[in-house]
Amino acid sequence: MENQFRLDLTEIMIFGFYFYILWVMISSIVCFCIVRNISASSVISLIKLQQSHVNNTKFVDMKKVIFVKNPQEISDLR
């Protein structure tokens, strides 16, 4: 009865593989959310900049929207 909770090597490898896959999935989702949040904030600030140049209209020409990684670069584009 004392060997009931003993794990052999294959079970340890299976559990390790499952935890590795779970870790990779969680870390990739977190990295994707971080990158998407940064790009979304820079795009939103660029759209607001584009709207400030247009006279009283809400239309934004997406061909003129420039994608930047750092939102601080927007002041250089003016």
Protein backbone atom coordinates (compact mmCIF):
# COMPACT_ATOMS: atom_id res chain seq x y z
CA MET A 1 0.00 0.00 0.00
CA GLU A 2 2.94 2.36 0.48
CA ASN A 3 3.71 2.28 -3.27
CA GLN A 4 0.23 3.53 -4.16
CA PHE A 5 1.28 7.20 -4.58
CA ARG A 6 4.54 6.46 -6.34
CA LEU A 7 4.97 7.99 -9.81
CA ASP A 8 7.01 6.31 -12.49
CA LEU A 9 9.10 8.12 -15.08
CA THR A 10 6.46 8.17 -17.84
CA GLU A 11 3.86 9.83 -15.59
CA ILE A 12 6.40 12.45 -14.53
CA MET A 13 7.23 13.13 -18.18
CA ILE A 14 3.53 13.39 -19.11
CA PHE A 15 2.82 15.82 -16.25
CA GLY A 16 5.92 17.84 -17.15
CA PHE A 17 4.85 18.00 -20.79
CA TYR A 18 1.34 19.16 -19.82
CA PHE A 19 2.71 21.85 -17.52
CA TYR A 20 5.18 22.96 -20.23
CA ILE A 21 2.39 23.28 -22.82
CA LEU A 22 0.23 25.18 -20.31
CA TRP A 23 3.12 27.54 -19.49
CA VAL A 24 3.84 28.20 -23.18
CA MET A 25 0.17 28.92 -23.87
CA ILE A 26 -0.20 31.31 -20.92
CA SER A 27 3.04 33.16 -21.66
CA SER A 28 2.19 33.53 -25.35
CA ILE A 29 -1.28 34.87 -24.52
CA VAL A 30 0.22 37.37 -22.05
CA CYS A 31 2.85 38.52 -24.57
CA PHE A 32 0.20 38.84 -27.28
CA CYS A 33 -2.00 40.95 -25.00
CA ILE A 34 0.94 43.21 -24.08
CA VAL A 35 1.96 43.72 -27.72
CA ARG A 36 -1.63 44.25 -28.82
CA ASN A 37 -2.24 46.79 -26.06
CA ILE A 38 0.86 48.80 -27.03
CA SER A 39 -0.02 48.83 -30.72
CA ALA A 40 -3.67 49.65 -30.01
CA SER A 41 -2.74 52.63 -27.83
CA SER A 42 -0.38 54.03 -30.46
CA VAL A 43 -2.98 53.58 -33.20
CA ILE A 44 -5.67 55.28 -31.09
CA SER A 45 -3.40 58.24 -30.39
CA LEU A 46 -2.54 58.49 -34.09
CA ILE A 47 -6.21 58.46 -35.05
CA LYS A 48 -6.86 61.26 -32.55
CA LEU A 49 -3.95 63.19 -34.07
CA GLN A 50 -5.38 62.66 -37.54
CA GLN A 51 -8.83 63.80 -36.39
CA SER A 52 -7.41 66.99 -34.90
CA HIS A 53 -6.11 68.02 -38.33
CA VAL A 54 -9.44 67.40 -40.07
CA ASN A 55 -11.98 70.21 -39.78
CA ASN A 56 -15.04 69.04 -37.79
CA THR A 57 -15.27 65.59 -39.38
CA LYS A 58 -15.02 62.13 -37.88
CA PHE A 59 -13.75 60.49 -41.07
CA VAL A 60 -10.21 59.11 -40.88
CA ASP A 61 -8.39 57.98 -43.99
CA MET A 62 -6.70 54.76 -42.90
CA LYS A 63 -4.13 55.12 -45.69
CA LYS A 64 -2.71 58.12 -43.85
CA VAL A 65 -2.53 56.42 -40.44
CA ILE A 66 1.07 55.53 -39.62
CA PHE A 67 1.81 52.65 -37.27
CA VAL A 68 4.54 53.33 -34.71
CA LYS A 69 5.75 51.24 -31.80
CA ASN A 70 6.36 54.13 -29.44
CA PRO A 71 3.54 56.65 -28.88
CA GLN A 72 6.14 59.33 -28.10
CA GLU A 73 7.15 59.35 -31.77
CA ILE A 74 3.84 61.04 -32.63
CA SER A 75 5.16 64.47 -31.67
CA ASP A 76 7.91 64.02 -34.28
CA LEU A 77 5.33 63.41 -37.00
CA ARG A 78 3.60 66.79 -36.60
